[in-house]
Amino acid sequence: MSAVRAIRRAFTVGKHRATLSVQLVAGVPTGVQVAWDQGYPPRLSSADLVRYRRLRNAILQSVANEIRGAVVVVDADDGRLVPTVIEPVP
């Protein structure tokens, strides 16, 4: 196993394509980045935002399973910060 590696998954939301990358150092996540096909995150409709979060969380679920540890996501929703804890599934 390499000391540094990345998990990358691409997915489509509406007419946009996003690539989510998780950097791992010695098996420990050190950061998450989402890159959009047009360089800057698009303005998403309500339905697309729900789809984005669902797909993002599914990818992060696989990361949580791989590292055997929880992943926490914090979303901004109407001016509030809303945390989501994604636990690994045995």
PDB file of N, CA and C in Angstrom:
ATOM      1  N   MET A   1       0.838  -1.183   0.000  1.00  0.00           N
ATOM      2  CA  MET A   1       0.000   0.000   0.000  1.00  0.00           C
ATOM      3  C   MET A   1       0.883   1.246   0.000  1.00  0.00           C
ATOM      4  N   SER A   2       0.573   2.178  -0.876  1.00  0.00           N
ATOM      5  CA  SER A   2       1.323   3.424  -0.954  1.00  0.00           C
ATOM      6  C   SER A   2       0.998   4.302   0.249  1.00  0.00           C
ATOM      7  N   ALA A   3       1.966   5.091   0.681  1.00  0.00           N
ATOM      8  CA  ALA A   3       1.758   5.971   1.831  1.00  0.00           C
ATOM      9  C   ALA A   3       0.797   7.111   1.501  1.00  0.00           C
ATOM     10  N   VAL A   4       0.799   7.554   0.244  1.00  0.00           N
ATOM     11  CA  VAL A   4      -0.088   8.639  -0.178  1.00  0.00           C
ATOM     12  C   VAL A   4      -0.872   8.169  -1.395  1.00  0.00           C
ATOM     13  N   ARG A   5      -2.196   8.322  -1.332  1.00  0.00           N
ATOM     14  CA  ARG A   5      -3.025   7.975  -2.481  1.00  0.00           C
ATOM     15  C   ARG A   5      -4.312   8.779  -2.423  1.00  0.00           C
ATOM     16  N   ALA A   6      -5.066   8.713  -3.486  1.00  0.00           N
ATOM     17  CA  ALA A   6      -6.325   9.447  -3.547  1.00  0.00           C
ATOM     18  C   ALA A   6      -7.422   8.521  -4.047  1.00  0.00           C
ATOM     19  N   ILE A   7      -8.607   8.725  -3.508  1.00  0.00           N
ATOM     20  CA  ILE A   7      -9.813   8.068  -4.001  1.00  0.00           C
ATOM     21  C   ILE A   7     -10.545   9.127  -4.807  1.00  0.00           C
ATOM     22  N   ARG A   8     -10.842   8.827  -6.075  1.00  0.00           N
ATOM     23  CA  ARG A   8     -11.543   9.782  -6.943  1.00  0.00           C
ATOM     24  C   ARG A   8     -12.783   9.122  -7.528  1.00  0.00           C
ATOM     25  N   ARG A   9     -13.886   9.843  -7.466  1.00  0.00           N
ATOM     26  CA  ARG A   9     -15.131   9.371  -8.051  1.00  0.00           C
ATOM     27  C   ARG A   9     -15.799  10.551  -8.758  1.00  0.00           C
ATOM     28  N   ALA A  10     -16.266  10.307  -9.970  1.00  0.00           N
ATOM     29  CA  ALA A  10     -16.966  11.333 -10.737  1.00  0.00           C
ATOM     30  C   ALA A  10     -18.457  11.015 -10.763  1.00  0.00           C
ATOM     31  N   PHE A  11     -19.257  12.074 -10.769  1.00  0.00           N
ATOM     32  CA  PHE A  11     -20.705  11.893 -10.836  1.00  0.00           C
ATOM     33  C   PHE A  11     -21.328  13.106 -11.510  1.00  0.00           C
ATOM     34  N   THR A  12     -22.546  12.920 -12.013  1.00  0.00           N
ATOM     35  CA  THR A  12     -23.244  13.972 -12.745  1.00  0.00           C
ATOM     36  C   THR A  12     -24.416  14.486 -11.922  1.00  0.00           C
ATOM     37  N   VAL A  13     -24.524  15.808 -11.891  1.00  0.00           N
ATOM     38  CA  VAL A  13     -25.638  16.473 -11.217  1.00  0.00           C
ATOM     39  C   VAL A  13     -26.225  17.453 -12.220  1.00  0.00           C
ATOM     40  N   GLY A  14     -27.448  17.180 -12.666  1.00  0.00           N
ATOM     41  CA  GLY A  14     -28.042  18.020 -13.707  1.00  0.00           C
ATOM     42  C   GLY A  14     -27.176  17.944 -14.950  1.00  0.00           C
ATOM     43  N   LYS A  15     -26.762  19.107 -15.449  1.00  0.00           N
ATOM     44  CA  LYS A  15     -25.905  19.124 -16.641  1.00  0.00           C
ATOM     45  C   LYS A  15     -24.429  19.299 -16.288  1.00  0.00           C
ATOM     46  N   HIS A  16     -24.093  19.174 -15.020  1.00  0.00           N
ATOM     47  CA  HIS A  16     -22.724  19.379 -14.562  1.00  0.00           C
ATOM     48  C   HIS A  16     -22.094  18.071 -14.107  1.00  0.00           C
ATOM     49  N   ARG A  17     -20.787  17.998 -14.226  1.00  0.00           N
ATOM     50  CA  ARG A  17     -20.034  16.826 -13.782  1.00  0.00           C
ATOM     51  C   ARG A  17     -19.113  17.274 -12.650  1.00  0.00           C
ATOM     52  N   ALA A  18     -19.100  16.498 -11.574  1.00  0.00           N
ATOM     53  CA  ALA A  18     -18.243  16.784 -10.430  1.00  0.00           C
ATOM     54  C   ALA A  18     -17.324  15.599 -10.184  1.00  0.00           C
ATOM     55  N   THR A  19     -16.129  15.881  -9.708  1.00  0.00           N
ATOM     56  CA  THR A  19     -15.202  14.834  -9.304  1.00  0.00           C
ATOM     57  C   THR A  19     -14.841  15.078  -7.848  1.00  0.00           C
ATOM     58  N   LEU A  20     -15.141  14.105  -7.008  1.00  0.00           N
ATOM     59  CA  LEU A  20     -14.828  14.179  -5.585  1.00  0.00           C
ATOM     60  C   LEU A  20     -13.531  13.399  -5.358  1.00  0.00           C
ATOM     61  N   SER A  21     -12.563  14.044  -4.725  1.00  0.00           N
ATOM     62  CA  SER A  21     -11.275  13.414  -4.435  1.00  0.00           C
ATOM     63  C   SER A  21     -11.013  13.459  -2.936  1.00  0.00           C
ATOM     64  N   VAL A  22     -10.592  12.316  -2.399  1.00  0.00           N
ATOM     65  CA  VAL A  22     -10.219  12.228  -0.985  1.00  0.00           C
ATOM     66  C   VAL A  22      -8.749  11.845  -0.945  1.00  0.00           C
ATOM     67  N   GLN A  23      -7.930  12.706  -0.357  1.00  0.00           N
ATOM     68  CA  GLN A  23      -6.501  12.440  -0.211  1.00  0.00           C
ATOM     69  C   GLN A  23      -6.287  11.614   1.057  1.00  0.00           C
ATOM     70  N   LEU A  24      -5.559  10.508   0.924  1.00  0.00           N
ATOM     71  CA  LEU A  24      -5.238   9.649   2.075  1.00  0.00           C
ATOM     72  C   LEU A  24      -3.719   9.607   2.254  1.00  0.00           C
ATOM     73  N   VAL A  25      -3.273   9.804   3.478  1.00  0.00           N
ATOM     74  CA  VAL A  25      -1.853   9.669   3.822  1.00  0.00           C
ATOM     75  C   VAL A  25      -1.769   8.589   4.883  1.00  0.00           C
ATOM     76  N   ALA A  26      -1.057   7.517   4.558  1.00  0.00           N
ATOM     77  CA  ALA A  26      -0.943   6.358   5.454  1.00  0.00           C
ATOM     78  C   ALA A  26      -2.323   5.850   5.866  1.00  0.00           C
ATOM     79  N   GLY A  27      -3.275   5.889   4.922  1.00  0.00           N
ATOM     80  CA  GLY A  27      -4.621   5.380   5.180  1.00  0.00           C
ATOM     81  C   GLY A  27      -5.533   6.330   5.928  1.00  0.00           C
ATOM     82  N   VAL A  28      -5.046   7.534   6.251  1.00  0.00           N
ATOM     83  CA  VAL A  28      -5.845   8.512   7.002  1.00  0.00           C
ATOM     84  C   VAL A  28      -6.232   9.649   6.057  1.00  0.00           C
ATOM     85  N   PRO A  29      -7.541   9.972   5.962  1.00  0.00           N
ATOM     86  CA  PRO A  29      -7.957  11.059   5.080  1.00  0.00           C
ATOM     87  C   PRO A  29      -7.411  12.398   5.575  1.00  0.00           C
ATOM     88  N   THR A  30      -6.878  13.179   4.647  1.00  0.00           N
ATOM     89  CA  THR A  30      -6.328  14.490   5.011  1.00  0.00           C
ATOM     90  C   THR A  30      -7.086  15.632   4.355  1.00  0.00           C
ATOM     91  N   GLY A  31      -8.001  15.310   3.463  1.00  0.00           N
ATOM     92  CA  GLY A  31      -8.782  16.367   2.835  1.00  0.00           C
ATOM     93  C   GLY A  31      -9.700  15.825   1.764  1.00  0.00           C
ATOM     94  N   VAL A  32     -10.721  16.619   1.462  1.00  0.00           N
ATOM     95  CA  VAL A  32     -11.686  16.287   0.418  1.00  0.00           C
ATOM     96  C   VAL A  32     -11.798  17.497  -0.495  1.00  0.00           C
ATOM     97  N   GLN A  33     -11.848  17.232  -1.795  1.00  0.00           N
ATOM     98  CA  GLN A  33     -12.003  18.302  -2.766  1.00  0.00           C
ATOM     99  C   GLN A  33     -13.061  17.888  -3.775  1.00  0.00           C
ATOM    100  N   VAL A  34     -13.906  18.836  -4.156  1.00  0.00           N
ATOM    101  CA  VAL A  34     -14.869  18.619  -5.231  1.00  0.00           C
ATOM    102  C   VAL A  34     -14.513  19.587  -6.346  1.00  0.00           C
ATOM    103  N   ALA A  35     -14.231  19.044  -7.516  1.00  0.00           N
ATOM    104  CA  ALA A  35     -13.928  19.857  -8.693  1.00  0.00           C
ATOM    105  C   ALA A  35     -15.074  19.720  -9.685  1.00  0.00           C
ATOM    106  N   TRP A  36     -15.514  20.845 -10.238  1.00  0.00           N
ATOM    107  CA  TRP A  36     -16.613  20.852 -11.191  1.00  0.00           C
ATOM    108  C   TRP A  36     -16.069  20.998 -12.601  1.00  0.00           C
ATOM    109  N   ASP A  37     -16.800  20.486 -13.567  1.00  0.00           N
ATOM    110  CA  ASP A  37     -16.363  20.512 -14.963  1.00  0.00           C
ATOM    111  C   ASP A  37     -16.144  21.920 -15.489  1.00  0.00           C
ATOM    112  N   GLN A  38     -16.785  22.901 -14.926  1.00  0.00           N
ATOM    113  CA  GLN A  38     -16.644  24.275 -15.414  1.00  0.00           C
ATOM    114  C   GLN A  38     -15.786  25.123 -14.485  1.00  0.00           C
ATOM    115  N   GLY A  39     -15.053  24.459 -13.584  1.00  0.00           N
ATOM    116  CA  GLY A  39     -14.110  25.170 -12.736  1.00  0.00           C
ATOM    117  C   GLY A  39     -14.681  25.741 -11.456  1.00  0.00           C
ATOM    118  N   TYR A  40     -15.900  26.206 -11.474  1.00  0.00           N
ATOM    119  CA  TYR A  40     -16.508  26.801 -10.280  1.00  0.00           C
ATOM    120  C   TYR A  40     -17.812  26.080  -9.994  1.00  0.00           C
ATOM    121  N   PRO A  41     -18.145  25.851  -8.731  1.00  0.00           N
ATOM    122  CA  PRO A  41     -19.403  25.147  -8.434  1.00  0.00           C
ATOM    123  C   PRO A  41     -20.595  25.883  -9.048  1.00  0.00           C
ATOM    124  N   PRO A  42     -21.439  25.149  -9.744  1.00  0.00           N
ATOM    125  CA  PRO A  42     -22.606  25.783 -10.366  1.00  0.00           C
ATOM    126  C   PRO A  42     -23.678  26.092  -9.333  1.00  0.00           C
ATOM    127  N   ARG A  43     -24.593  26.943  -9.707  1.00  0.00           N
ATOM    128  CA  ARG A  43     -25.774  27.177  -8.877  1.00  0.00           C
ATOM    129  C   ARG A  43     -26.715  26.016  -9.167  1.00  0.00           C
ATOM    130  N   LEU A  44     -27.015  25.239  -8.143  1.00  0.00           N
ATOM    131  CA  LEU A  44     -27.829  24.035  -8.315  1.00  0.00           C
ATOM    132  C   LEU A  44     -29.275  24.310  -7.924  1.00  0.00           C
ATOM    133  N   SER A  45     -30.182  23.690  -8.660  1.00  0.00           N
ATOM    134  CA  SER A  45     -31.596  23.751  -8.279  1.00  0.00           C
ATOM    135  C   SER A  45     -31.765  22.956  -6.985  1.00  0.00           C
ATOM    136  N   SER A  46     -32.906  23.086  -6.352  1.00  0.00           N
ATOM    137  CA  SER A  46     -33.168  22.334  -5.114  1.00  0.00           C
ATOM    138  C   SER A  46     -33.051  20.834  -5.352  1.00  0.00           C
ATOM    139  N   ALA A  47     -33.621  20.366  -6.467  1.00  0.00           N
ATOM    140  CA  ALA A  47     -33.562  18.934  -6.784  1.00  0.00           C
ATOM    141  C   ALA A  47     -32.126  18.490  -7.049  1.00  0.00           C
ATOM    142  N   ASP A  48     -31.349  19.322  -7.766  1.00  0.00           N
ATOM    143  CA  ASP A  48     -29.953  18.965  -8.040  1.00  0.00           C
ATOM    144  C   ASP A  48     -29.112  18.988  -6.771  1.00  0.00           C
ATOM    145  N   LEU A  49     -29.404  19.908  -5.859  1.00  0.00           N
ATOM    146  CA  LEU A  49     -28.668  19.958  -4.596  1.00  0.00           C
ATOM    147  C   LEU A  49     -28.929  18.691  -3.779  1.00  0.00           C
ATOM    148  N   VAL A  50     -30.165  18.222  -3.766  1.00  0.00           N
ATOM    149  CA  VAL A  50     -30.497  16.969  -3.080  1.00  0.00           C
ATOM    150  C   VAL A  50     -29.736  15.815  -3.732  1.00  0.00           C
ATOM    151  N   ARG A  51     -29.709  15.776  -5.064  1.00  0.00           N
ATOM    152  CA  ARG A  51     -28.990  14.721  -5.787  1.00  0.00           C
ATOM    153  C   ARG A  51     -27.493  14.798  -5.494  1.00  0.00           C
ATOM    154  N   TYR A  52     -26.908  16.009  -5.524  1.00  0.00           N
ATOM    155  CA  TYR A  52     -25.481  16.188  -5.231  1.00  0.00           C
ATOM    156  C   TYR A  52     -25.139  15.635  -3.850  1.00  0.00           C
ATOM    157  N   ARG A  53     -25.919  16.026  -2.847  1.00  0.00           N
ATOM    158  CA  ARG A  53     -25.633  15.570  -1.484  1.00  0.00           C
ATOM    159  C   ARG A  53     -25.795  14.061  -1.348  1.00  0.00           C
ATOM    160  N   ARG A  54     -26.791  13.492  -2.017  1.00  0.00           N
ATOM    161  CA  ARG A  54     -27.000  12.041  -1.958  1.00  0.00           C
ATOM    162  C   ARG A  54     -25.824  11.300  -2.580  1.00  0.00           C
ATOM    163  N   LEU A  55     -25.391  11.739  -3.755  1.00  0.00           N
ATOM    164  CA  LEU A  55     -24.263  11.081  -4.425  1.00  0.00           C
ATOM    165  C   LEU A  55     -22.958  11.303  -3.652  1.00  0.00           C
ATOM    166  N   ARG A  56     -22.732  12.520  -3.186  1.00  0.00           N
ATOM    167  CA  ARG A  56     -21.539  12.822  -2.393  1.00  0.00           C
ATOM    168  C   ARG A  56     -21.488  11.940  -1.152  1.00  0.00           C
ATOM    169  N   ASN A  57     -22.615  11.840  -0.453  1.00  0.00           N
ATOM    170  CA  ASN A  57     -22.645  11.031   0.770  1.00  0.00           C
ATOM    171  C   ASN A  57     -22.443   9.554   0.478  1.00  0.00           C
ATOM    172  N   ALA A  58     -22.928   9.075  -0.663  1.00  0.00           N
ATOM    173  CA  ALA A  58     -22.709   7.669  -1.035  1.00  0.00           C
ATOM    174  C   ALA A  58     -21.218   7.408  -1.259  1.00  0.00           C
ATOM    175  N   ILE A  59     -20.538   8.341  -1.916  1.00  0.00           N
ATOM    176  CA  ILE A  59     -19.091   8.197  -2.114  1.00  0.00           C
ATOM    177  C   ILE A  59     -18.370   8.246  -0.773  1.00  0.00           C
ATOM    178  N   LEU A  60     -18.755   9.181   0.076  1.00  0.00           N
ATOM    179  CA  LEU A  60     -18.105   9.286   1.391  1.00  0.00           C
ATOM    180  C   LEU A  60     -18.421   8.077   2.270  1.00  0.00           C
ATOM    181  N   GLN A  61     -19.558   7.416   2.020  1.00  0.00           N
ATOM    182  CA  GLN A  61     -19.868   6.165   2.738  1.00  0.00           C
ATOM    183  C   GLN A  61     -18.825   5.113   2.387  1.00  0.00           C
ATOM    184  N   SER A  62     -18.460   5.028   1.116  1.00  0.00           N
ATOM    185  CA  SER A  62     -17.443   4.045   0.722  1.00  0.00           C
ATOM    186  C   SER A  62     -16.088   4.393   1.330  1.00  0.00           C
ATOM    187  N   VAL A  63     -15.803   5.689   1.476  1.00  0.00           N
ATOM    188  CA  VAL A  63     -14.555   6.106   2.137  1.00  0.00           C
ATOM    189  C   VAL A  63     -14.595   5.707   3.611  1.00  0.00           C
ATOM    190  N   ALA A  64     -15.704   5.969   4.286  1.00  0.00           N
ATOM    191  CA  ALA A  64     -15.842   5.595   5.697  1.00  0.00           C
ATOM    192  C   ALA A  64     -15.661   4.092   5.873  1.00  0.00           C
ATOM    193  N   ASN A  65     -16.233   3.317   4.963  1.00  0.00           N
ATOM    194  CA  ASN A  65     -16.085   1.859   5.034  1.00  0.00           C
ATOM    195  C   ASN A  65     -14.625   1.455   4.860  1.00  0.00           C
ATOM    196  N   GLU A  66     -13.946   2.103   3.912  1.00  0.00           N
ATOM    197  CA  GLU A  66     -12.551   1.746   3.645  1.00  0.00           C
ATOM    198  C   GLU A  66     -11.622   2.101   4.801  1.00  0.00           C
ATOM    199  N   ILE A  67     -11.837   3.259   5.413  1.00  0.00           N
ATOM    200  CA  ILE A  67     -10.946   3.674   6.507  1.00  0.00           C
ATOM    201  C   ILE A  67     -11.419   3.151   7.859  1.00  0.00           C
ATOM    202  N   ARG A  68     -12.594   2.529   7.845  1.00  0.00           N
ATOM    203  CA  ARG A  68     -13.195   1.995   9.074  1.00  0.00           C
ATOM    204  C   ARG A  68     -13.342   3.075  10.155  1.00  0.00           C
ATOM    205  N   GLY A  69     -13.787   4.234   9.699  1.00  0.00           N
ATOM    206  CA  GLY A  69     -13.993   5.349  10.613  1.00  0.00           C
ATOM    207  C   GLY A  69     -15.037   6.294  10.046  1.00  0.00           C
ATOM    208  N   ALA A  70     -15.577   7.131  10.909  1.00  0.00           N
ATOM    209  CA  ALA A  70     -16.629   8.064  10.507  1.00  0.00           C
ATOM    210  C   ALA A  70     -16.073   9.196   9.649  1.00  0.00           C
ATOM    211  N   VAL A  71     -16.927   9.697   8.766  1.00  0.00           N
ATOM    212  CA  VAL A  71     -16.644  10.878   7.960  1.00  0.00           C
ATOM    213  C   VAL A  71     -17.721  11.892   8.313  1.00  0.00           C
ATOM    214  N   VAL A  72     -17.305  13.134   8.567  1.00  0.00           N
ATOM    215  CA  VAL A  72     -18.261  14.184   8.920  1.00  0.00           C
ATOM    216  C   VAL A  72     -18.308  15.207   7.793  1.00  0.00           C
ATOM    217  N   VAL A  73     -19.516  15.546   7.387  1.00  0.00           N
ATOM    218  CA  VAL A  73     -19.755  16.551   6.348  1.00  0.00           C
ATOM    219  C   VAL A  73     -20.556  17.667   6.993  1.00  0.00           C
ATOM    220  N   VAL A  74     -20.201  18.910   6.690  1.00  0.00           N
ATOM    221  CA  VAL A  74     -20.963  20.052   7.188  1.00  0.00           C
ATOM    222  C   VAL A  74     -21.470  20.836   5.983  1.00  0.00           C
ATOM    223  N   ASP A  75     -22.795  20.937   5.888  1.00  0.00           N
ATOM    224  CA  ASP A  75     -23.434  21.677   4.808  1.00  0.00           C
ATOM    225  C   ASP A  75     -23.983  22.994   5.333  1.00  0.00           C
ATOM    226  N   ALA A  76     -23.962  24.016   4.481  1.00  0.00           N
ATOM    227  CA  ALA A  76     -24.634  25.277   4.794  1.00  0.00           C
ATOM    228  C   ALA A  76     -26.046  25.166   4.237  1.00  0.00           C
ATOM    229  N   ASP A  77     -27.035  25.379   5.098  1.00  0.00           N
ATOM    230  CA  ASP A  77     -28.430  25.251   4.689  1.00  0.00           C
ATOM    231  C   ASP A  77     -29.219  26.413   5.277  1.00  0.00           C
ATOM    232  N   ASP A  78     -29.614  27.358   4.425  1.00  0.00           N
ATOM    233  CA  ASP A  78     -30.347  28.554   4.863  1.00  0.00           C
ATOM    234  C   ASP A  78     -29.614  29.284   5.995  1.00  0.00           C
ATOM    235  N   GLY A  79     -28.305  29.435   5.841  1.00  0.00           N
ATOM    236  CA  GLY A  79     -27.528  30.173   6.829  1.00  0.00           C
ATOM    237  C   GLY A  79     -27.140  29.373   8.062  1.00  0.00           C
ATOM    238  N   ARG A  80     -27.536  28.127   8.134  1.00  0.00           N
ATOM    239  CA  ARG A  80     -27.174  27.267   9.263  1.00  0.00           C
ATOM    240  C   ARG A  80     -26.153  26.252   8.803  1.00  0.00           C
ATOM    241  N   LEU A  81     -25.298  25.827   9.725  1.00  0.00           N
ATOM    242  CA  LEU A  81     -24.378  24.735   9.434  1.00  0.00           C
ATOM    243  C   LEU A  81     -25.007  23.439   9.935  1.00  0.00           C
ATOM    244  N   VAL A  82     -25.107  22.471   9.029  1.00  0.00           N
ATOM    245  CA  VAL A  82     -25.775  21.211   9.340  1.00  0.00           C
ATOM    246  C   VAL A  82     -24.768  20.071   9.179  1.00  0.00           C
ATOM    247  N   PRO A  83     -24.340  19.475  10.310  1.00  0.00           N
ATOM    248  CA  PRO A  83     -23.389  18.361  10.210  1.00  0.00           C
ATOM    249  C   PRO A  83     -24.092  17.044   9.931  1.00  0.00           C
ATOM    250  N   THR A  84     -23.421  16.190   9.175  1.00  0.00           N
ATOM    251  CA  THR A  84     -23.866  14.826   8.919  1.00  0.00           C
ATOM    252  C   THR A  84     -22.701  13.892   9.223  1.00  0.00           C
ATOM    253  N   VAL A  85     -22.928  12.914  10.067  1.00  0.00           N
ATOM    254  CA  VAL A  85     -21.898  11.930  10.386  1.00  0.00           C
ATOM    255  C   VAL A  85     -22.202  10.664   9.594  1.00  0.00           C
ATOM    256  N   ILE A  86     -21.229  10.224   8.800  1.00  0.00           N
ATOM    257  CA  ILE A  86     -21.381   9.020   7.985  1.00  0.00           C
ATOM    258  C   ILE A  86     -20.528   7.937   8.630  1.00  0.00           C
ATOM    259  N   GLU A  87     -21.193   6.978   9.226  1.00  0.00           N
ATOM    260  CA  GLU A  87     -20.508   5.889   9.941  1.00  0.00           C
ATOM    261  C   GLU A  87     -20.196   4.746   8.984  1.00  0.00           C
ATOM    262  N   PRO A  88     -19.102   4.034   9.216  1.00  0.00           N
ATOM    263  CA  PRO A  88     -18.826   2.864   8.377  1.00  0.00           C
ATOM    264  C   PRO A  88     -19.866   1.770   8.623  1.00  0.00           C
ATOM    265  N   VAL A  89     -20.146   1.043   7.557  1.00  0.00           N
ATOM    266  CA  VAL A  89     -21.084  -0.072   7.640  1.00  0.00           C
ATOM    267  C   VAL A  89     -20.245  -1.343   7.719  1.00  0.00           C
ATOM    268  N   PRO A  90     -20.545  -2.216   8.699  1.00  0.00           N
ATOM    269  CA  PRO A  90     -19.732  -3.446   8.838  1.00  0.00           C
ATOM    270  C   PRO A  90     -19.873  -4.375   7.646  1.00  0.00           C
TER     271      PRO A  90
END
